[in-house]
Amino acid sequence: MAIKMAINGFGRIGRAALKIAIKNKDLDLVAINDLTDNKT
């Protein structure tokens, strides 16, 4: 059974965590939360 994981923030560490989650079949990425400017 995979470990469910969420990333809070998509900066340098968040992107590194995403790369690890993609390569590791034991991690299940369920959410990414990030604050950005809404210019639209």
PDB file of N, CA and C in Angstrom:
ATOM      1  N   MET A   1       0.839  -1.178   0.000  1.00  0.00           N
ATOM      2  CA  MET A   1       0.000   0.000   0.000  1.00  0.00           C
ATOM      3  C   MET A   1       0.887   1.245   0.000  1.00  0.00           C
ATOM      4  N   ALA A   2       0.592   2.171  -0.889  1.00  0.00           N
ATOM      5  CA  ALA A   2       1.399   3.379  -1.031  1.00  0.00           C
ATOM      6  C   ALA A   2       1.076   4.392   0.069  1.00  0.00           C
ATOM      7  N   ILE A   3       2.070   5.183   0.415  1.00  0.00           N
ATOM      8  CA  ILE A   3       1.890   6.272   1.373  1.00  0.00           C
ATOM      9  C   ILE A   3       1.341   7.476   0.620  1.00  0.00           C
ATOM     10  N   LYS A   4       0.230   8.027   1.100  1.00  0.00           N
ATOM     11  CA  LYS A   4      -0.350   9.207   0.470  1.00  0.00           C
ATOM     12  C   LYS A   4       0.411  10.443   0.926  1.00  0.00           C
ATOM     13  N   MET A   5       0.746  11.307  -0.026  1.00  0.00           N
ATOM     14  CA  MET A   5       1.581  12.458   0.263  1.00  0.00           C
ATOM     15  C   MET A   5       0.999  13.698  -0.394  1.00  0.00           C
ATOM     16  N   ALA A   6       1.053  14.821   0.303  1.00  0.00           N
ATOM     17  CA  ALA A   6       0.658  16.113  -0.251  1.00  0.00           C
ATOM     18  C   ALA A   6       1.841  17.061  -0.126  1.00  0.00           C
ATOM     19  N   ILE A   7       1.976  17.967  -1.080  1.00  0.00           N
ATOM     20  CA  ILE A   7       3.053  18.949  -1.062  1.00  0.00           C
ATOM     21  C   ILE A   7       2.437  20.310  -0.784  1.00  0.00           C
ATOM     22  N   ASN A   8       2.932  20.973   0.261  1.00  0.00           N
ATOM     23  CA  ASN A   8       2.465  22.310   0.607  1.00  0.00           C
ATOM     24  C   ASN A   8       3.561  23.296   0.224  1.00  0.00           C
ATOM     25  N   GLY A   9       3.391  23.937  -0.917  1.00  0.00           N
ATOM     26  CA  GLY A   9       4.401  24.848  -1.443  1.00  0.00           C
ATOM     27  C   GLY A   9       5.133  24.179  -2.588  1.00  0.00           C
ATOM     28  N   PHE A  10       5.301  24.905  -3.679  1.00  0.00           N
ATOM     29  CA  PHE A  10       5.922  24.315  -4.858  1.00  0.00           C
ATOM     30  C   PHE A  10       7.182  25.082  -5.233  1.00  0.00           C
ATOM     31  N   GLY A  11       7.955  25.425  -4.213  1.00  0.00           N
ATOM     32  CA  GLY A  11       9.254  26.059  -4.422  1.00  0.00           C
ATOM     33  C   GLY A  11      10.313  24.999  -4.660  1.00  0.00           C
ATOM     34  N   ARG A  12      11.526  25.321  -4.268  1.00  0.00           N
ATOM     35  CA  ARG A  12      12.656  24.417  -4.499  1.00  0.00           C
ATOM     36  C   ARG A  12      12.445  23.066  -3.829  1.00  0.00           C
ATOM     37  N   ILE A  13      12.016  23.065  -2.585  1.00  0.00           N
ATOM     38  CA  ILE A  13      11.831  21.811  -1.850  1.00  0.00           C
ATOM     39  C   ILE A  13      10.605  21.062  -2.356  1.00  0.00           C
ATOM     40  N   GLY A  14       9.533  21.765  -2.673  1.00  0.00           N
ATOM     41  CA  GLY A  14       8.335  21.122  -3.201  1.00  0.00           C
ATOM     42  C   GLY A  14       8.587  20.423  -4.528  1.00  0.00           C
ATOM     43  N   ARG A  15       9.357  21.074  -5.400  1.00  0.00           N
ATOM     44  CA  ARG A  15       9.690  20.455  -6.687  1.00  0.00           C
ATOM     45  C   ARG A  15      10.587  19.237  -6.498  1.00  0.00           C
ATOM     46  N   ALA A  16      11.495  19.307  -5.530  1.00  0.00           N
ATOM     47  CA  ALA A  16      12.352  18.149  -5.236  1.00  0.00           C
ATOM     48  C   ALA A  16      11.516  16.989  -4.698  1.00  0.00           C
ATOM     49  N   ALA A  17      10.539  17.297  -3.846  1.00  0.00           N
ATOM     50  CA  ALA A  17       9.654  16.255  -3.316  1.00  0.00           C
ATOM     51  C   ALA A  17       8.832  15.623  -4.435  1.00  0.00           C
ATOM     52  N   LEU A  18       8.394  16.429  -5.408  1.00  0.00           N
ATOM     53  CA  LEU A  18       7.642  15.897  -6.552  1.00  0.00           C
ATOM     54  C   LEU A  18       8.494  14.918  -7.351  1.00  0.00           C
ATOM     55  N   LYS A  19       9.742  15.259  -7.602  1.00  0.00           N
ATOM     56  CA  LYS A  19      10.631  14.364  -8.352  1.00  0.00           C
ATOM     57  C   LYS A  19      10.810  13.035  -7.627  1.00  0.00           C
ATOM     58  N   ILE A  20      10.943  13.097  -6.309  1.00  0.00           N
ATOM     59  CA  ILE A  20      11.079  11.873  -5.516  1.00  0.00           C
ATOM     60  C   ILE A  20       9.795  11.054  -5.585  1.00  0.00           C
ATOM     61  N   ALA A  21       8.635  11.724  -5.478  1.00  0.00           N
ATOM     62  CA  ALA A  21       7.351  11.017  -5.503  1.00  0.00           C
ATOM     63  C   ALA A  21       7.111  10.349  -6.853  1.00  0.00           C
ATOM     64  N   ILE A  22       7.537  10.992  -7.936  1.00  0.00           N
ATOM     65  CA  ILE A  22       7.354  10.405  -9.269  1.00  0.00           C
ATOM     66  C   ILE A  22       8.191   9.137  -9.417  1.00  0.00           C
ATOM     67  N   LYS A  23       9.405   9.159  -8.899  1.00  0.00           N
ATOM     68  CA  LYS A  23      10.308   8.016  -9.038  1.00  0.00           C
ATOM     69  C   LYS A  23       9.987   6.873  -8.087  1.00  0.00           C
ATOM     70  N   ASN A  24       9.316   7.158  -6.973  1.00  0.00           N
ATOM     71  CA  ASN A  24       9.076   6.164  -5.931  1.00  0.00           C
ATOM     72  C   ASN A  24       7.645   5.629  -6.036  1.00  0.00           C
ATOM     73  N   LYS A  25       7.496   4.360  -6.326  1.00  0.00           N
ATOM     74  CA  LYS A  25       6.170   3.750  -6.490  1.00  0.00           C
ATOM     75  C   LYS A  25       5.448   3.563  -5.157  1.00  0.00           C
ATOM     76  N   ASP A  26       6.156   3.720  -4.029  1.00  0.00           N
ATOM     77  CA  ASP A  26       5.529   3.582  -2.714  1.00  0.00           C
ATOM     78  C   ASP A  26       4.897   4.880  -2.228  1.00  0.00           C
ATOM     79  N   LEU A  27       5.028   5.966  -3.000  1.00  0.00           N
ATOM     80  CA  LEU A  27       4.428   7.251  -2.645  1.00  0.00           C
ATOM     81  C   LEU A  27       3.313   7.578  -3.625  1.00  0.00           C
ATOM     82  N   ASP A  28       2.184   8.008  -3.094  1.00  0.00           N
ATOM     83  CA  ASP A  28       1.028   8.385  -3.908  1.00  0.00           C
ATOM     84  C   ASP A  28       0.767   9.872  -3.684  1.00  0.00           C
ATOM     85  N   LEU A  29       1.079  10.703  -4.681  1.00  0.00           N
ATOM     86  CA  LEU A  29       0.891  12.147  -4.562  1.00  0.00           C
ATOM     87  C   LEU A  29      -0.583  12.475  -4.765  1.00  0.00           C
ATOM     88  N   VAL A  30      -1.206  13.071  -3.754  1.00  0.00           N
ATOM     89  CA  VAL A  30      -2.642  13.333  -3.815  1.00  0.00           C
ATOM     90  C   VAL A  30      -2.981  14.809  -3.957  1.00  0.00           C
ATOM     91  N   ALA A  31      -2.050  15.718  -3.603  1.00  0.00           N
ATOM     92  CA  ALA A  31      -2.357  17.151  -3.693  1.00  0.00           C
ATOM     93  C   ALA A  31      -1.082  17.977  -3.706  1.00  0.00           C
ATOM     94  N   ILE A  32      -1.169  19.128  -4.391  1.00  0.00           N
ATOM     95  CA  ILE A  32      -0.121  20.143  -4.336  1.00  0.00           C
ATOM     96  C   ILE A  32      -0.806  21.467  -4.048  1.00  0.00           C
ATOM     97  N   ASN A  33      -0.346  22.156  -3.006  1.00  0.00           N
ATOM     98  CA  ASN A  33      -0.913  23.440  -2.607  1.00  0.00           C
ATOM     99  C   ASN A  33       0.182  24.492  -2.737  1.00  0.00           C
ATOM    100  N   ASP A  34      -0.128  25.606  -3.427  1.00  0.00           N
ATOM    101  CA  ASP A  34       0.863  26.657  -3.583  1.00  0.00           C
ATOM    102  C   ASP A  34       0.160  28.000  -3.680  1.00  0.00           C
ATOM    103  N   LEU A  35       0.771  29.023  -3.135  1.00  0.00           N
ATOM    104  CA  LEU A  35       0.242  30.378  -3.239  1.00  0.00           C
ATOM    105  C   LEU A  35       0.904  31.079  -4.420  1.00  0.00           C
ATOM    106  N   THR A  36       0.094  31.708  -5.263  1.00  0.00           N
ATOM    107  CA  THR A  36       0.618  32.444  -6.407  1.00  0.00           C
ATOM    108  C   THR A  36      -0.141  33.751  -6.557  1.00  0.00           C
ATOM    109  N   ASP A  37       0.369  34.623  -7.385  1.00  0.00           N
ATOM    110  CA  ASP A  37      -0.334  35.854  -7.710  1.00  0.00           C
ATOM    111  C   ASP A  37      -1.419  35.556  -8.735  1.00  0.00           C
ATOM    112  N   ASN A  38      -2.619  36.057  -8.494  1.00  0.00           N
ATOM    113  CA  ASN A  38      -3.719  35.887  -9.446  1.00  0.00           C
ATOM    114  C   ASN A  38      -3.814  37.138 -10.311  1.00  0.00           C
ATOM    115  N   LYS A  39      -3.087  37.160 -11.401  1.00  0.00           N
ATOM    116  CA  LYS A  39      -3.068  38.317 -12.287  1.00  0.00           C
ATOM    117  C   LYS A  39      -4.146  38.236 -13.360  1.00  0.00           C
ATOM    118  N   THR A  40      -4.881  37.146 -13.409  1.00  0.00           N
ATOM    119  CA  THR A  40      -5.919  37.010 -14.433  1.00  0.00           C
ATOM    120  C   THR A  40      -7.248  37.509 -13.939  1.00  0.00           C
TER     121      THR A  40
END
